[in-house]
Amino acid sequence: MSPDLARLIAEPTRAMEVPAQDLQRIVLELAAHETTVSLLRRTLVSRLFASSAGTANGLPEPSARDQSLTPKEAATRMGVTIPWLYRNHHRLPFAKKLSRKCLRFSQRGLETWLATKGSGQPWK
């Protein structure tokens, strides 16, 4: 992280003071960090859901094992379309992109997320 970006993160109000010739460089550097932070957040949330399912010895109980859901199954449970899931998977902490055209969803993560989001479906 460059000193300029670190200073802006510490004091966001200084963004108006950034010289015009540095804007593009700082925006690109910030975008790279946003990608890293997003990946880190997803990994930590996944681990959080996985660790909350564990028993005292750290291993999941056989009845509590997570299952992967297809986009069709996840869309049905969420009440959204499959294209919506592909467009918004990055916003869903229980989504795992396996390849360019392959998404899977943690059943337990989805159930937990739906329970915390309530039935109002504000994610649409």
C-alpha atoms as a PDB file:
ATOM      1  CA  MET A   1       0.000   0.000   0.000  1.00  0.00           C
ATOM      2  CA  SER A   2       1.454   3.321  -1.024  1.00  0.00           C
ATOM      3  CA  PRO A   3       1.867   6.059   1.572  1.00  0.00           C
ATOM      4  CA  ASP A   4      -0.678   8.159  -0.356  1.00  0.00           C
ATOM      5  CA  LEU A   5      -3.362   5.481  -0.140  1.00  0.00           C
ATOM      6  CA  ALA A   6      -2.574   4.700   3.498  1.00  0.00           C
ATOM      7  CA  ARG A   7      -2.947   8.392   4.330  1.00  0.00           C
ATOM      8  CA  LEU A   8      -6.290   8.569   2.484  1.00  0.00           C
ATOM      9  CA  ILE A   9      -7.603   5.498   4.287  1.00  0.00           C
ATOM     10  CA  ALA A  10      -6.632   7.040   7.615  1.00  0.00           C
ATOM     11  CA  GLU A  11      -8.187  10.389   6.635  1.00  0.00           C
ATOM     12  CA  PRO A  12     -10.768   9.945   3.833  1.00  0.00           C
ATOM     13  CA  THR A  13     -11.653  13.641   3.958  1.00  0.00           C
ATOM     14  CA  ARG A  14      -8.282  14.367   2.287  1.00  0.00           C
ATOM     15  CA  ALA A  15      -9.491  12.799  -0.998  1.00  0.00           C
ATOM     16  CA  MET A  16     -10.235  16.256  -2.376  1.00  0.00           C
ATOM     17  CA  GLU A  17      -6.565  17.189  -1.886  1.00  0.00           C
ATOM     18  CA  VAL A  18      -5.200  14.429  -4.166  1.00  0.00           C
ATOM     19  CA  PRO A  19      -3.437  15.950  -7.184  1.00  0.00           C
ATOM     20  CA  ALA A  20      -5.175  15.215 -10.511  1.00  0.00           C
ATOM     21  CA  GLN A  21      -2.129  13.389 -11.904  1.00  0.00           C
ATOM     22  CA  ASP A  22      -2.287  10.868  -9.001  1.00  0.00           C
ATOM     23  CA  LEU A  23      -6.019  10.089  -9.201  1.00  0.00           C
ATOM     24  CA  GLN A  24      -5.830   7.193 -11.668  1.00  0.00           C
ATOM     25  CA  ARG A  25      -2.921   5.505  -9.868  1.00  0.00           C
ATOM     26  CA  ILE A  26      -4.638   5.712  -6.469  1.00  0.00           C
ATOM     27  CA  VAL A  27      -8.003   4.518  -7.840  1.00  0.00           C
ATOM     28  CA  LEU A  28      -6.317   1.488  -9.459  1.00  0.00           C
ATOM     29  CA  GLU A  29      -4.394   0.708  -6.283  1.00  0.00           C
ATOM     30  CA  LEU A  30      -7.593   0.992  -4.248  1.00  0.00           C
ATOM     31  CA  ALA A  31      -9.413  -1.377  -6.645  1.00  0.00           C
ATOM     32  CA  ALA A  32      -6.678  -3.986  -6.186  1.00  0.00           C
ATOM     33  CA  HIS A  33      -7.051  -3.759  -2.413  1.00  0.00           C
ATOM     34  CA  GLU A  34     -10.860  -3.961  -2.651  1.00  0.00           C
ATOM     35  CA  THR A  35     -10.539  -7.272  -4.493  1.00  0.00           C
ATOM     36  CA  THR A  36      -8.189  -8.610  -1.840  1.00  0.00           C
ATOM     37  CA  VAL A  37     -10.424  -7.438   1.008  1.00  0.00           C
ATOM     38  CA  SER A  38     -13.489  -8.999  -0.655  1.00  0.00           C
ATOM     39  CA  LEU A  39     -11.724 -12.351  -1.015  1.00  0.00           C
ATOM     40  CA  LEU A  40     -10.462 -12.164   2.569  1.00  0.00           C
ATOM     41  CA  ARG A  41     -13.960 -11.328   3.873  1.00  0.00           C
ATOM     42  CA  ARG A  42     -15.533 -14.262   1.983  1.00  0.00           C
ATOM     43  CA  THR A  43     -12.893 -16.669   3.260  1.00  0.00           C
ATOM     44  CA  LEU A  44     -13.304 -15.537   6.856  1.00  0.00           C
ATOM     45  CA  VAL A  45     -17.111 -15.674   6.702  1.00  0.00           C
ATOM     46  CA  SER A  46     -16.938 -19.188   5.224  1.00  0.00           C
ATOM     47  CA  ARG A  47     -14.615 -20.262   8.009  1.00  0.00           C
ATOM     48  CA  LEU A  48     -16.902 -18.638  10.566  1.00  0.00           C
ATOM     49  CA  PHE A  49     -19.895 -20.619   9.290  1.00  0.00           C
ATOM     50  CA  ALA A  50     -17.803 -23.800   9.171  1.00  0.00           C
ATOM     51  CA  SER A  51     -16.421 -23.339  12.694  1.00  0.00           C
ATOM     52  CA  SER A  52     -19.842 -22.660  14.187  1.00  0.00           C
ATOM     53  CA  ALA A  53     -20.949 -26.068  12.881  1.00  0.00           C
ATOM     54  CA  GLY A  54     -18.120 -27.941  14.583  1.00  0.00           C
ATOM     55  CA  THR A  55     -18.290 -30.007  17.737  1.00  0.00           C
ATOM     56  CA  ALA A  56     -15.896 -29.767  20.686  1.00  0.00           C
ATOM     57  CA  ASN A  57     -13.224 -31.721  18.776  1.00  0.00           C
ATOM     58  CA  GLY A  58     -13.437 -29.309  15.830  1.00  0.00           C
ATOM     59  CA  LEU A  59     -15.027 -31.786  13.436  1.00  0.00           C
ATOM     60  CA  PRO A  60     -18.517 -31.313  12.057  1.00  0.00           C
ATOM     61  CA  GLU A  61     -21.201 -33.648  13.283  1.00  0.00           C
ATOM     62  CA  PRO A  62     -22.371 -36.111  10.617  1.00  0.00           C
ATOM     63  CA  SER A  63     -25.905 -34.681  10.673  1.00  0.00           C
ATOM     64  CA  ALA A  64     -24.589 -31.113  10.442  1.00  0.00           C
ATOM     65  CA  ARG A  65     -22.534 -31.545   7.262  1.00  0.00           C
ATOM     66  CA  ASP A  66     -23.015 -28.846   4.712  1.00  0.00           C
ATOM     67  CA  GLN A  67     -24.271 -29.539   1.216  1.00  0.00           C
ATOM     68  CA  SER A  68     -23.577 -27.639  -1.976  1.00  0.00           C
ATOM     69  CA  LEU A  69     -26.602 -26.281  -3.762  1.00  0.00           C
ATOM     70  CA  THR A  70     -26.832 -25.661  -7.486  1.00  0.00           C
ATOM     71  CA  PRO A  71     -27.859 -22.211  -8.696  1.00  0.00           C
ATOM     72  CA  LYS A  72     -31.333 -23.567  -9.463  1.00  0.00           C
ATOM     73  CA  GLU A  73     -31.748 -24.899  -5.904  1.00  0.00           C
ATOM     74  CA  ALA A  74     -30.386 -21.703  -4.333  1.00  0.00           C
ATOM     75  CA  ALA A  75     -32.536 -19.488  -6.561  1.00  0.00           C
ATOM     76  CA  THR A  76     -35.654 -21.427  -5.575  1.00  0.00           C
ATOM     77  CA  ARG A  77     -34.886 -21.077  -1.860  1.00  0.00           C
ATOM     78  CA  MET A  78     -34.093 -17.368  -2.175  1.00  0.00           C
ATOM     79  CA  GLY A  79     -36.944 -16.522  -4.523  1.00  0.00           C
ATOM     80  CA  VAL A  80     -34.649 -15.003  -7.167  1.00  0.00           C
ATOM     81  CA  THR A  81     -33.699 -15.956 -10.722  1.00  0.00           C
ATOM     82  CA  ILE A  82     -30.613 -17.907 -11.724  1.00  0.00           C
ATOM     83  CA  PRO A  83     -29.223 -14.953 -13.754  1.00  0.00           C
ATOM     84  CA  TRP A  84     -29.636 -12.764 -10.653  1.00  0.00           C
ATOM     85  CA  LEU A  85     -27.480 -15.214  -8.680  1.00  0.00           C
ATOM     86  CA  TYR A  86     -24.734 -15.148 -11.310  1.00  0.00           C
ATOM     87  CA  ARG A  87     -24.777 -11.324 -11.367  1.00  0.00           C
ATOM     88  CA  ASN A  88     -24.777 -10.967  -7.574  1.00  0.00           C
ATOM     89  CA  HIS A  89     -22.827 -13.995  -6.295  1.00  0.00           C
ATOM     90  CA  HIS A  90     -19.982 -11.722  -5.145  1.00  0.00           C
ATOM     91  CA  ARG A  91     -22.383 -10.142  -2.622  1.00  0.00           C
ATOM     92  CA  LEU A  92     -23.328 -13.500  -1.101  1.00  0.00           C
ATOM     93  CA  PRO A  93     -20.889 -14.842   1.525  1.00  0.00           C
ATOM     94  CA  PHE A  94     -22.119 -18.424   1.034  1.00  0.00           C
ATOM     95  CA  ALA A  95     -21.465 -18.467  -2.735  1.00  0.00           C
ATOM     96  CA  LYS A  96     -18.445 -20.234  -4.193  1.00  0.00           C
ATOM     97  CA  LYS A  97     -17.451 -19.645  -7.812  1.00  0.00           C
ATOM     98  CA  LEU A  98     -15.766 -22.835  -8.999  1.00  0.00           C
ATOM     99  CA  SER A  99     -15.197 -21.679 -12.569  1.00  0.00           C
ATOM    100  CA  ARG A 100     -16.452 -19.092 -15.036  1.00  0.00           C
ATOM    101  CA  LYS A 101     -19.777 -20.907 -15.461  1.00  0.00           C
ATOM    102  CA  CYS A 102     -20.029 -22.919 -12.244  1.00  0.00           C
ATOM    103  CA  LEU A 103     -21.424 -21.595  -8.970  1.00  0.00           C
ATOM    104  CA  ARG A 104     -22.257 -23.517  -5.824  1.00  0.00           C
ATOM    105  CA  PHE A 105     -23.890 -22.346  -2.634  1.00  0.00           C
ATOM    106  CA  SER A 106     -23.472 -23.530   0.935  1.00  0.00           C
ATOM    107  CA  GLN A 107     -26.833 -24.821   2.157  1.00  0.00           C
ATOM    108  CA  ARG A 108     -26.082 -23.981   5.786  1.00  0.00           C
ATOM    109  CA  GLY A 109     -24.626 -20.611   4.839  1.00  0.00           C
ATOM    110  CA  LEU A 110     -27.718 -19.793   2.778  1.00  0.00           C
ATOM    111  CA  GLU A 111     -30.064 -20.821   5.597  1.00  0.00           C
ATOM    112  CA  THR A 112     -28.120 -18.739   8.119  1.00  0.00           C
ATOM    113  CA  TRP A 113     -28.005 -15.766   5.765  1.00  0.00           C
ATOM    114  CA  LEU A 114     -31.744 -15.966   5.054  1.00  0.00           C
ATOM    115  CA  ALA A 115     -32.467 -16.164   8.787  1.00  0.00           C
ATOM    116  CA  THR A 116     -30.427 -13.002   9.455  1.00  0.00           C
ATOM    117  CA  LYS A 117     -31.833 -11.122   6.459  1.00  0.00           C
ATOM    118  CA  GLY A 118     -35.426 -11.884   7.442  1.00  0.00           C
ATOM    119  CA  SER A 119     -38.282 -12.542   5.107  1.00  0.00           C
ATOM    120  CA  GLY A 120     -38.435  -9.037   3.631  1.00  0.00           C
ATOM    121  CA  GLN A 121     -35.952 -10.025   0.869  1.00  0.00           C
ATOM    122  CA  PRO A 122     -34.095  -6.682   0.771  1.00  0.00           C
ATOM    123  CA  TRP A 123     -31.338  -8.254  -1.370  1.00  0.00           C
ATOM    124  CA  LYS A 124     -33.389  -8.226  -4.581  1.00  0.00           C
END
